[in-house]
C-alpha atoms as a PDB file:
ATOM      1  CA  MET A   1    -117.401  71.589  52.751  1.00  0.00           C
ATOM      2  CA  GLN A   2    -116.699  71.786  56.689  1.00  0.00           C
ATOM      3  CA  ASN A   3    -112.923  71.948  57.416  1.00  0.00           C
ATOM      4  CA  PRO A   4    -111.661  68.672  59.205  1.00  0.00           C
ATOM      5  CA  ILE A   5    -110.816  69.478  63.137  1.00  0.00           C
ATOM      6  CA  GLY A   6    -107.371  70.164  63.675  1.00  0.00           C
ATOM      7  CA  THR A   7    -104.922  67.908  65.626  1.00  0.00           C
ATOM      8  CA  LEU A   8    -104.431  70.327  68.377  1.00  0.00           C
ATOM      9  CA  GLU A   9    -108.349  71.361  68.868  1.00  0.00           C
ATOM     10  CA  LEU A  10    -108.955  67.396  69.040  1.00  0.00           C
ATOM     11  CA  ILE A  11    -106.330  66.991  71.665  1.00  0.00           C
ATOM     12  CA  ARG A  12    -107.906  69.719  73.614  1.00  0.00           C
ATOM     13  CA  GLN A  13    -111.295  68.038  73.395  1.00  0.00           C
ATOM     14  CA  LEU A  14    -109.997  64.711  74.478  1.00  0.00           C
ATOM     15  CA  ALA A  15    -108.162  66.153  77.468  1.00  0.00           C
ATOM     16  CA  GLU A  16    -111.556  67.301  78.843  1.00  0.00           C
ATOM     17  CA  VAL A  17    -112.479  63.783  79.720  1.00  0.00           C
ATOM     18  CA  GLU A  18    -111.816  62.703  83.457  1.00  0.00           C
ATOM     19  CA  GLU A  19    -109.512  59.965  82.073  1.00  0.00           C
ATOM     20  CA  LEU A  20    -107.927  59.151  78.807  1.00  0.00           C
ATOM     21  CA  GLY A  21    -109.194  55.705  77.704  1.00  0.00           C
ATOM     22  CA  GLU A  22    -108.920  53.653  74.775  1.00  0.00           C
ATOM     23  CA  ASP A  23    -111.643  55.272  72.626  1.00  0.00           C
ATOM     24  CA  GLN A  24    -109.734  58.699  72.955  1.00  0.00           C
ATOM     25  CA  ALA A  25    -106.535  56.952  71.996  1.00  0.00           C
ATOM     26  CA  MET A  26    -108.187  55.207  69.031  1.00  0.00           C
ATOM     27  CA  GLN A  27    -110.004  58.427  67.893  1.00  0.00           C
ATOM     28  CA  LEU A  28    -106.509  60.560  68.036  1.00  0.00           C
ATOM     29  CA  ALA A  29    -104.797  57.450  65.978  1.00  0.00           C
ATOM     30  CA  ALA A  30    -107.681  57.246  63.530  1.00  0.00           C
ATOM     31  CA  HIS A  31    -107.353  61.119  63.041  1.00  0.00           C
ATOM     32  CA  LEU A  32    -103.740  60.928  61.998  1.00  0.00           C
ATOM     33  CA  ASN A  33    -103.995  58.013  60.163  1.00  0.00           C
ATOM     34  CA  ASN A  34    -106.544  59.586  57.873  1.00  0.00           C
ATOM     35  CA  ASP A  35    -104.899  63.013  57.391  1.00  0.00           C
ATOM     36  CA  ASP A  36    -101.327  63.035  56.352  1.00  0.00           C
ATOM     37  CA  GLY A  37    -100.818  66.651  56.785  1.00  0.00           C
ATOM     38  CA  ALA A  38    -101.586  66.334  60.511  1.00  0.00           C
ATOM     39  CA  ARG A  39     -99.022  63.211  60.663  1.00  0.00           C
ATOM     40  CA  HIS A  40     -96.149  65.295  59.286  1.00  0.00           C
ATOM     41  CA  THR A  41     -97.008  68.652  61.496  1.00  0.00           C
ATOM     42  CA  TRP A  42     -96.677  69.301  65.058  1.00  0.00           C
ATOM     43  CA  PRO A  43     -98.213  67.854  67.274  1.00  0.00           C
ATOM     44  CA  GLY A  44     -99.249  65.015  65.003  1.00  0.00           C
ATOM     45  CA  ASN A  45     -95.821  64.227  63.762  1.00  0.00           C
ATOM     46  CA  MET A  46     -94.575  63.571  67.582  1.00  0.00           C
ATOM     47  CA  LEU A  47     -97.934  61.456  68.269  1.00  0.00           C
ATOM     48  CA  PHE A  48     -98.001  59.278  65.203  1.00  0.00           C
ATOM     49  CA  ASP A  49     -95.177  56.896  65.859  1.00  0.00           C
ATOM     50  CA  PHE A  50     -96.509  56.360  69.422  1.00  0.00           C
ATOM     51  CA  LEU A  51     -99.931  55.507  68.185  1.00  0.00           C
ATOM     52  CA  VAL A  52     -99.522  53.559  64.962  1.00  0.00           C
ATOM     53  CA  ASN A  53     -99.492  50.302  66.960  1.00  0.00           C
ATOM     54  CA  VAL A  54    -102.506  51.480  68.430  1.00  0.00           C
ATOM     55  CA  TYR A  55    -104.465  51.908  65.392  1.00  0.00           C
ATOM     56  CA  GLU A  56    -103.032  48.601  63.778  1.00  0.00           C
ATOM     57  CA  ASP A  57    -104.006  46.150  66.726  1.00  0.00           C
ATOM     58  CA  GLY A  58    -106.812  48.187  68.556  1.00  0.00           C
ATOM     59  CA  ASN A  59    -105.394  47.105  71.891  1.00  0.00           C
ATOM     60  CA  MET A  60    -103.662  49.554  74.327  1.00  0.00           C
ATOM     61  CA  ARG A  61    -102.354  48.637  77.600  1.00  0.00           C
ATOM     62  CA  GLY A  62    -102.607  50.496  81.023  1.00  0.00           C
ATOM     63  CA  TYR A  63     -99.124  51.958  80.971  1.00  0.00           C
ATOM     64  CA  GLU A  64     -99.507  53.113  77.404  1.00  0.00           C
ATOM     65  CA  LEU A  65    -102.572  54.968  78.127  1.00  0.00           C
ATOM     66  CA  GLU A  66    -100.769  56.447  81.049  1.00  0.00           C
ATOM     67  CA  ALA A  67     -97.689  57.650  78.732  1.00  0.00           C
ATOM     68  CA  LEU A  68    -100.275  58.859  76.093  1.00  0.00           C
ATOM     69  CA  ALA A  69    -101.702  60.949  79.037  1.00  0.00           C
ATOM     70  CA  ARG A  70     -98.452  62.483  80.016  1.00  0.00           C
ATOM     71  CA  ILE A  71     -97.644  63.226  76.060  1.00  0.00           C
ATOM     72  CA  VAL A  72    -100.949  64.996  75.954  1.00  0.00           C
ATOM     73  CA  GLU A  73    -100.302  67.005  78.923  1.00  0.00           C
ATOM     74  CA  GLY A  74     -96.992  67.988  77.431  1.00  0.00           C
ATOM     75  CA  VAL A  75     -98.265  69.023  73.960  1.00  0.00           C
ATOM     76  CA  LEU A  76    -101.040  71.297  75.795  1.00  0.00           C
ATOM     77  CA  ILE A  77     -98.344  73.019  78.095  1.00  0.00           C
ATOM     78  CA  GLN A  78     -96.002  73.561  75.046  1.00  0.00           C
ATOM     79  CA  ALA A  79     -99.058  74.723  72.951  1.00  0.00           C
ATOM     80  CA  ASN A  80    -100.164  77.255  75.586  1.00  0.00           C
ATOM     81  CA  GLY A  81     -96.561  78.444  75.798  1.00  0.00           C
ATOM     82  CA  MET A  82     -96.266  78.886  72.321  1.00  0.00           C
ATOM     83  CA  ALA A  83     -99.525  80.760  72.000  1.00  0.00           C
ATOM     84  CA  ALA A  84     -98.269  83.211  74.828  1.00  0.00           C
ATOM     85  CA  GLU A  85     -95.040  83.454  73.264  1.00  0.00           C
ATOM     86  CA  ALA A  86     -96.516  84.258  69.791  1.00  0.00           C
ATOM     87  CA  ALA A  87     -98.745  86.965  71.279  1.00  0.00           C
ATOM     88  CA  GLU A  88     -96.073  88.336  73.183  1.00  0.00           C
ATOM     89  CA  ASN A  89     -93.499  88.383  70.272  1.00  0.00           C
ATOM     90  CA  GLU A  90     -95.555  88.916  67.275  1.00  0.00           C
ATOM     91  CA  PRO A  91     -93.510  90.566  64.635  1.00  0.00           C
ATOM     92  CA  GLU A  92     -94.893  93.759  63.326  1.00  0.00           C
ATOM     93  CA  PRO A  93     -95.680  94.114  59.666  1.00  0.00           C
ATOM     94  CA  ILE A  94     -93.269  96.113  57.492  1.00  0.00           C
ATOM     95  CA  ASP A  95     -94.708  99.632  56.920  1.00  0.00           C
ATOM     96  CA  PRO A  96     -94.408 100.126  53.141  1.00  0.00           C
ATOM     97  CA  GLY A  97     -94.025 103.878  53.687  1.00  0.00           C
ATOM     98  CA  GLU A  98     -90.937 103.183  56.043  1.00  0.00           C
ATOM     99  CA  ALA A  99     -89.571 100.292  53.970  1.00  0.00           C
ATOM    100  CA  PRO A 100     -86.273 100.738  52.174  1.00  0.00           C
ATOM    101  CA  ASP A 101     -85.927 101.903  48.739  1.00  0.00           C
ATOM    102  CA  GLY A 102     -87.084  98.918  46.602  1.00  0.00           C
ATOM    103  CA  ALA A 103     -88.463  96.511  49.554  1.00  0.00           C
ATOM    104  CA  LEU A 104     -90.514  93.765  48.557  1.00  0.00           C
ATOM    105  CA  VAL A 105     -93.555  93.720  50.809  1.00  0.00           C
ATOM    106  CA  LEU A 106     -96.798  91.609  50.455  1.00  0.00           C
ATOM    107  CA  PRO A 107    -100.215  92.831  49.646  1.00  0.00           C
ATOM    108  CA  ASP A 108    -103.112  92.144  52.511  1.00  0.00           C
ATOM    109  CA  LEU A 109    -103.971  88.278  51.477  1.00  0.00           C
ATOM    110  CA  THR A 110    -106.818  87.986  53.959  1.00  0.00           C
ATOM    111  CA  TYR A 111    -109.377  87.659  51.355  1.00  0.00           C
ATOM    112  CA  LEU A 112    -107.940  84.384  50.240  1.00  0.00           C
ATOM    113  CA  ASP A 113    -109.208  82.843  53.587  1.00  0.00           C
ATOM    114  CA  ASP A 114    -112.459  82.917  52.285  1.00  0.00           C
ATOM    115  CA  LEU A 115    -111.911  80.834  49.392  1.00  0.00           C
ATOM    116  CA  GLY A 116    -111.866  77.936  51.440  1.00  0.00           C
ATOM    117  CA  LEU A 117    -108.447  76.714  51.192  1.00  0.00           C
ATOM    118  CA  ASN A 118    -107.941  75.925  54.714  1.00  0.00           C
ATOM    119  CA  GLY A 119    -108.146  72.218  55.757  1.00  0.00           C
ATOM    120  CA  ARG A 120    -107.703  70.888  52.523  1.00  0.00           C
ATOM    121  CA  PRO A 121    -106.670  66.881  52.778  1.00  0.00           C
ATOM    122  CA  GLY A 122    -103.336  66.132  53.266  1.00  0.00           C
ATOM    123  CA  LEU A 123    -102.167  69.689  54.048  1.00  0.00           C
ATOM    124  CA  PRO A 124    -101.710  71.393  57.098  1.00  0.00           C
ATOM    125  CA  ASP A 125    -103.898  74.503  58.258  1.00  0.00           C
ATOM    126  CA  VAL A 126    -102.999  77.926  56.416  1.00  0.00           C
ATOM    127  CA  PHE A 127    -104.159  81.255  57.179  1.00  0.00           C
ATOM    128  CA  PHE A 128    -103.544  84.199  54.763  1.00  0.00           C
ATOM    129  CA  SER A 129    -104.760  86.600  57.140  1.00  0.00           C
ATOM    130  CA  ASN A 130    -101.291  86.622  58.893  1.00  0.00           C
ATOM    131  CA  LEU A 131     -99.365  84.244  56.250  1.00  0.00           C
ATOM    132  CA  GLN A 132     -99.431  81.548  59.066  1.00  0.00           C
ATOM    133  CA  CYS A 133     -99.099  77.820  58.681  1.00  0.00           C
ATOM    134  CA  ASP A 134     -99.159  74.843  61.062  1.00  0.00           C
ATOM    135  CA  CYS A 135     -96.269  72.973  59.424  1.00  0.00           C
ATOM    136  CA  LEU A 136     -93.036  72.355  61.274  1.00  0.00           C
ATOM    137  CA  ASP A 137     -90.837  74.517  58.600  1.00  0.00           C
ATOM    138  CA  TRP A 138     -93.189  77.700  59.490  1.00  0.00           C
ATOM    139  CA  GLN A 139     -93.033  77.145  63.003  1.00  0.00           C
ATOM    140  CA  THR A 140     -89.330  76.826  63.286  1.00  0.00           C
ATOM    141  CA  SER A 141     -88.244  79.196  60.596  1.00  0.00           C
ATOM    142  CA  ARG A 142     -90.747  81.533  59.621  1.00  0.00           C
ATOM    143  CA  ARG A 143     -92.912  82.713  62.495  1.00  0.00           C
ATOM    144  CA  LYS A 144     -90.648  85.386  63.568  1.00  0.00           C
ATOM    145  CA  ILE A 145     -90.467  87.135  59.987  1.00  0.00           C
ATOM    146  CA  ALA A 146     -92.531  90.094  59.358  1.00  0.00           C
ATOM    147  CA  PRO A 147     -96.325  89.105  58.504  1.00  0.00           C
ATOM    148  CA  ASN A 148     -96.230  90.636  55.184  1.00  0.00           C
ATOM    149  CA  SER A 149     -92.670  89.507  53.928  1.00  0.00           C
ATOM    150  CA  PRO A 150     -92.373  86.821  51.264  1.00  0.00           C
ATOM    151  CA  GLY A 151     -90.153  84.844  53.839  1.00  0.00           C
ATOM    152  CA  ARG A 152     -93.281  83.662  55.372  1.00  0.00           C
ATOM    153  CA  ILE A 153     -94.461  81.626  52.711  1.00  0.00           C
ATOM    154  CA  CYS A 154     -93.467  78.073  52.994  1.00  0.00           C
ATOM    155  CA  ARG A 155     -94.251  75.259  50.222  1.00  0.00           C
ATOM    156  CA  HIS A 156     -97.971  74.889  51.706  1.00  0.00           C
ATOM    157  CA  MET A 157     -98.937  78.295  51.133  1.00  0.00           C
ATOM    158  CA  ALA A 158     -97.109  78.399  48.194  1.00  0.00           C
ATOM    159  CA  LYS A 159     -99.242  75.437  46.869  1.00  0.00           C
ATOM    160  CA  HIS A 160    -102.389  77.257  47.681  1.00  0.00           C
ATOM    161  CA  LEU A 161    -101.295  80.791  46.221  1.00  0.00           C
ATOM    162  CA  TYR A 162    -100.088  78.628  42.929  1.00  0.00           C
ATOM    163  CA  ASP A 163    -103.285  76.756  42.628  1.00  0.00           C
ATOM    164  CA  ASN A 164    -105.343  80.105  42.910  1.00  0.00           C
ATOM    165  CA  ARG A 165    -102.859  82.487  41.169  1.00  0.00           C
ATOM    166  CA  ASN A 166    -105.719  83.918  39.219  1.00  0.00           C
ATOM    167  CA  GLU A 167    -106.907  85.343  42.389  1.00  0.00           C
ATOM    168  CA  LEU A 168    -103.832  87.431  43.060  1.00  0.00           C
ATOM    169  CA  PRO A 169    -103.506  91.095  42.205  1.00  0.00           C
ATOM    170  CA  THR A 170    -102.745  91.313  38.534  1.00  0.00           C
ATOM    171  CA  SER A 171    -100.567  94.573  39.265  1.00  0.00           C
ATOM    172  CA  ARG A 172     -98.099  92.450  41.649  1.00  0.00           C
ATOM    173  CA  VAL A 173     -96.081  90.981  38.783  1.00  0.00           C
ATOM    174  CA  ASN A 174     -93.319  90.111  40.986  1.00  0.00           C
ATOM    175  CA  LEU A 175     -95.381  88.277  43.493  1.00  0.00           C
ATOM    176  CA  ARG A 176     -97.130  86.357  40.562  1.00  0.00           C
ATOM    177  CA  ALA A 177     -93.522  85.433  39.442  1.00  0.00           C
ATOM    178  CA  LEU A 178     -92.449  84.399  42.816  1.00  0.00           C
ATOM    179  CA  VAL A 179     -95.674  82.255  43.328  1.00  0.00           C
ATOM    180  CA  PHE A 180     -95.215  80.770  39.755  1.00  0.00           C
ATOM    181  CA  TRP A 181     -91.660  79.765  40.451  1.00  0.00           C
ATOM    182  CA  ALA A 182     -92.660  78.283  44.117  1.00  0.00           C
ATOM    183  CA  GLY A 183     -95.589  76.142  42.532  1.00  0.00           C
ATOM    184  CA  GLU A 184     -93.573  75.043  39.630  1.00  0.00           C
ATOM    185  CA  THR A 185     -90.772  73.756  41.956  1.00  0.00           C
ATOM    186  CA  GLN A 186     -92.969  72.736  44.915  1.00  0.00           C
ATOM    187  CA  ARG A 187     -90.586  74.662  47.354  1.00  0.00           C
ATOM    188  CA  GLY A 188     -91.334  77.422  49.640  1.00  0.00           C
ATOM    189  CA  LEU A 189     -89.651  80.972  49.366  1.00  0.00           C
ATOM    190  CA  PRO A 190     -86.355  81.203  51.233  1.00  0.00           C
ATOM    191  CA  PRO A 191     -87.070  82.285  55.054  1.00  0.00           C
ATOM    192  CA  GLN A 192     -85.300  85.318  54.936  1.00  0.00           C
ATOM    193  CA  PRO A 193     -86.420  88.747  56.600  1.00  0.00           C
ATOM    194  CA  GLU A 194     -84.930  90.882  53.904  1.00  0.00           C
ATOM    195  CA  TRP A 195     -86.555  91.074  50.361  1.00  0.00           C
ATOM    196  CA  ARG A 196     -85.667  93.657  47.951  1.00  0.00           C
ATOM    197  CA  LEU A 197     -86.183  94.549  44.172  1.00  0.00           C
ATOM    198  CA  LEU A 198     -83.126  95.371  42.131  1.00  0.00           C
ATOM    199  CA  PRO A 199     -83.115  96.871  38.997  1.00  0.00           C
ATOM    200  CA  VAL A 200     -80.137  95.926  36.762  1.00  0.00           C
ATOM    201  CA  SER A 201     -79.758  97.120  33.325  1.00  0.00           C
ATOM    202  CA  ASP A 202     -83.256  96.242  31.674  1.00  0.00           C
ATOM    203  CA  GLU A 203     -84.590  93.747  34.169  1.00  0.00           C
ATOM    204  CA  THR A 204     -85.454  93.396  37.789  1.00  0.00           C
ATOM    205  CA  LEU A 205     -83.840  91.026  40.287  1.00  0.00           C
ATOM    206  CA  ILE A 206     -85.348  89.995  43.468  1.00  0.00           C
ATOM    207  CA  VAL A 207     -83.086  89.374  46.353  1.00  0.00           C
ATOM    208  CA  ALA A 208     -83.450  87.824  49.716  1.00  0.00           C
ATOM    209  CA  TRP A 209     -80.910  87.680  52.731  1.00  0.00           C
ATOM    210  CA  GLY A 210     -80.739  88.345  56.391  1.00  0.00           C
ATOM    211  CA  THR A 211     -80.291  84.917  57.987  1.00  0.00           C
ATOM    212  CA  GLY A 212     -76.929  82.758  57.491  1.00  0.00           C
ATOM    213  CA  LYS A 213     -74.703  83.355  54.961  1.00  0.00           C
ATOM    214  CA  ALA A 214     -76.771  83.039  51.866  1.00  0.00           C
ATOM    215  CA  CYS A 215     -78.120  85.843  49.739  1.00  0.00           C
ATOM    216  CA  TRP A 216     -80.857  84.314  47.467  1.00  0.00           C
ATOM    217  CA  VAL A 217     -81.100  85.955  43.626  1.00  0.00           C
ATOM    218  CA  TYR A 218     -84.143  85.413  41.495  1.00  0.00           C
ATOM    219  CA  ALA A 219     -83.306  86.344  38.038  1.00  0.00           C
ATOM    220  CA  PRO A 220     -85.859  86.489  35.205  1.00  0.00           C
ATOM    221  CA  VAL A 221     -85.552  84.237  32.188  1.00  0.00           C
ATOM    222  CA  LYS A 222     -87.361  83.558  29.179  1.00  0.00           C
ATOM    223  CA  GLY A 223     -91.067  83.888  29.184  1.00  0.00           C
ATOM    224  CA  GLY A 224     -90.896  86.091  32.395  1.00  0.00           C
ATOM    225  CA  LYS A 225     -90.254  82.891  34.663  1.00  0.00           C
ATOM    226  CA  LEU A 226     -87.714  83.062  37.441  1.00  0.00           C
ATOM    227  CA  GLU A 227     -84.730  81.215  38.144  1.00  0.00           C
ATOM    228  CA  LEU A 228     -82.986  80.883  41.444  1.00  0.00           C
ATOM    229  CA  PHE A 229     -79.295  81.296  42.359  1.00  0.00           C
ATOM    230  CA  SER A 230     -77.522  81.363  45.742  1.00  0.00           C
ATOM    231  CA  TYR A 231     -74.617  83.538  46.702  1.00  0.00           C
ATOM    232  CA  ASP A 232     -72.320  82.562  49.469  1.00  0.00           C
ATOM    233  CA  LEU A 233     -71.828  85.990  51.554  1.00  0.00           C
ATOM    234  CA  GLY A 234     -68.985  83.871  53.530  1.00  0.00           C
ATOM    235  CA  GLU A 235     -67.002  82.729  50.642  1.00  0.00           C
ATOM    236  CA  ASN A 236     -67.970  85.519  48.247  1.00  0.00           C
ATOM    237  CA  GLN A 237     -68.833  83.237  45.384  1.00  0.00           C
ATOM    238  CA  TRP A 238     -72.130  81.851  43.935  1.00  0.00           C
ATOM    239  CA  SER A 239     -72.856  78.580  45.632  1.00  0.00           C
ATOM    240  CA  LEU A 240     -75.008  76.554  43.490  1.00  0.00           C
ATOM    241  CA  TYR A 241     -72.289  74.902  41.451  1.00  0.00           C
ATOM    242  CA  ASN A 242     -70.598  78.171  40.995  1.00  0.00           C
ATOM    243  CA  ARG A 243     -73.049  79.102  38.467  1.00  0.00           C
ATOM    244  CA  PRO A 244     -74.152  82.842  38.299  1.00  0.00           C
ATOM    245  CA  PRO A 245     -77.060  84.527  36.741  1.00  0.00           C
ATOM    246  CA  GLN A 246     -76.449  84.953  32.958  1.00  0.00           C
ATOM    247  CA  HIS A 247     -76.251  88.916  33.395  1.00  0.00           C
ATOM    248  CA  GLN A 248     -73.918  89.779  36.257  1.00  0.00           C
ATOM    249  CA  HIS A 249     -74.542  93.426  36.008  1.00  0.00           C
ATOM    250  CA  GLU A 250     -71.884  95.878  37.851  1.00  0.00           C
ATOM    251  CA  ASP A 251     -75.007  96.727  40.100  1.00  0.00           C
ATOM    252  CA  LEU A 252     -75.498  93.154  41.354  1.00  0.00           C
ATOM    253  CA  LEU A 253     -72.003  92.843  41.994  1.00  0.00           C
ATOM    254  CA  ALA A 254     -72.067  96.140  43.923  1.00  0.00           C
ATOM    255  CA  PHE A 255     -75.039  95.194  46.104  1.00  0.00           C
ATOM    256  CA  LEU A 256     -73.740  91.756  46.944  1.00  0.00           C
ATOM    257  CA  ASP A 257     -70.542  93.370  48.021  1.00  0.00           C
ATOM    258  CA  GLU A 258     -72.599  95.830  50.163  1.00  0.00           C
ATOM    259  CA  VAL A 259     -74.628  92.853  51.691  1.00  0.00           C
ATOM    260  CA  THR A 260     -71.491  90.749  52.386  1.00  0.00           C
ATOM    261  CA  LYS A 261     -69.806  93.604  54.308  1.00  0.00           C
ATOM    262  CA  ALA A 262     -72.924  94.111  56.440  1.00  0.00           C
ATOM    263  CA  SER A 263     -73.075  90.375  57.178  1.00  0.00           C
ATOM    264  CA  ASP A 264     -69.323  90.358  58.273  1.00  0.00           C
ATOM    265  CA  SER A 265     -70.008  93.405  60.399  1.00  0.00           C
ATOM    266  CA  ILE A 266     -73.015  91.698  62.134  1.00  0.00           C
ATOM    267  CA  ALA A 267     -70.554  88.626  62.686  1.00  0.00           C
ATOM    268  CA  VAL A 268     -68.033  90.649  64.299  1.00  0.00           C
ATOM    269  CA  ALA A 269     -70.242  92.286  66.721  1.00  0.00           C
ATOM    270  CA  ALA A 270     -71.987  89.129  67.678  1.00  0.00           C
END
């Protein structure tokens, strides 16, 4: 099935006409009305409220068309600026050979793009070649994280991965466990730049930190599933109802103390 046209691509096509008219406005309104994912991602989330009345009454006044033309012009200016900034500031992938001991780095998932996951109705566009999504969460919180970091995975990517988890490498047990957690909870992975595997006793924890005061800890429970806990680095305590993982091994406590000290040093330097 052919992928539906993206909102930004449609706007670029509409902007090529000499003067934006009612036909173009109705085409854009219909696109947003029929695609829930487009309505909740930029730039559709910015245009939908303005265009909803157009779709309902089928009538648009001259001053409204002028306002829409200015909005479209602003969207294109912002899009071109974002593209230039992304090309200039695209983060480098984490080199597994140079990563810290135990760093959790994702494998190349480009092959998933061939499954036709992009353009599913009700979901924004997702590209696994560089773990990119058109949603607002990804654009604002994840785009500057390294392309092969788990922190790039928003809830839309997580849904695709969960639905196609049998396509993931069987050897990547930790990735599959994270995907299962994200799919079952319908959440993205924490948008953190640092991800580490932390062996404690006879199990392996997954920890994520680096932005803000939260250090996220995934601990295995029965059946190999993961449970998520949050440690407040500012308050030095577990922040989800003060409930720690079942096994607070000394290696985990030592690691959290190390991350807390590093976080405090960064805050003082800033």
